[in-house]
Amino acid sequence: MQCAGAGPRGAIAKLSDGTEDRVGYERDSFHLWIDADKDSCDTRKEVLLAEAGAPDVR
């Protein structure tokens, strides 16, 4: 038997809402996304496609 508030649900209940802070973030600073295989998908898109698990429907 677990004590009241123990376990994952108890831990989640203790989390507080936060606000998003984008101060200092500039997407243009991340210019490392390259299209190594020249298929019009940069590195970020290649990873997203690979990890999506869905068929490639480009």
Protein backbone atom coordinates (compact mmCIF):
# COMPACT_ATOMS: atom_id res chain seq x y z
CA MET A 1 0.00 0.00 0.00
CA GLN A 2 1.35 3.44 -0.92
CA CYS A 3 1.08 6.51 1.22
CA ALA A 4 -1.18 9.27 -0.05
CA GLY A 5 0.63 11.43 -2.58
CA ALA A 6 3.37 8.88 -3.22
CA GLY A 7 4.31 7.62 -6.65
CA PRO A 8 4.23 9.29 -10.06
CA ARG A 9 0.81 10.91 -9.66
CA GLY A 10 1.82 12.47 -6.37
CA ALA A 11 5.05 13.77 -7.88
CA ILE A 12 3.20 15.19 -10.90
CA ALA A 13 0.66 16.87 -8.65
CA LYS A 14 3.51 18.71 -6.90
CA LEU A 15 4.84 20.24 -10.13
CA SER A 16 4.13 23.91 -10.63
CA ASP A 17 3.29 25.59 -13.92
CA GLY A 18 6.08 27.66 -15.37
CA THR A 19 6.23 30.39 -17.93
CA GLU A 20 8.23 30.19 -21.11
CA ASP A 21 11.26 32.42 -21.27
CA ARG A 22 12.80 32.98 -24.69
CA VAL A 23 15.00 35.89 -23.71
CA GLY A 24 18.29 35.54 -25.53
CA TYR A 25 17.10 32.78 -27.89
CA GLU A 26 17.68 33.46 -31.56
CA ARG A 27 16.93 30.66 -34.02
CA ASP A 28 19.36 32.20 -36.51
CA SER A 29 22.16 31.41 -34.05
CA PHE A 30 21.64 27.71 -34.87
CA HIS A 31 22.94 27.69 -38.42
CA LEU A 32 24.29 24.16 -38.14
CA TRP A 33 21.35 22.54 -39.91
CA ILE A 34 22.82 21.45 -43.24
CA ASP A 35 21.41 19.45 -46.16
CA ALA A 36 24.25 16.94 -46.41
CA ASP A 37 22.58 14.66 -48.97
CA LYS A 38 21.04 17.53 -50.97
CA ASP A 39 17.47 16.20 -50.75
CA SER A 40 15.99 19.52 -49.51
CA CYS A 41 15.79 18.28 -45.90
CA ASP A 42 18.20 19.79 -43.41
CA THR A 43 19.68 17.79 -40.54
CA ARG A 44 16.83 18.67 -38.19
CA LYS A 45 14.17 17.49 -40.66
CA GLU A 46 16.15 14.31 -41.41
CA VAL A 47 16.21 13.43 -37.70
CA LEU A 48 12.51 14.21 -37.27
CA LEU A 49 11.64 12.02 -40.25
CA ALA A 50 13.88 9.19 -39.05
CA GLU A 51 12.45 9.22 -35.53
CA ALA A 52 8.81 9.75 -36.50
CA GLY A 53 8.27 6.10 -37.32
CA ALA A 54 5.77 7.05 -40.04
CA PRO A 55 6.32 6.52 -43.74
CA ASP A 56 8.24 9.23 -45.58
CA VAL A 57 5.64 11.23 -47.55
CA ARG A 58 7.79 14.11 -48.77
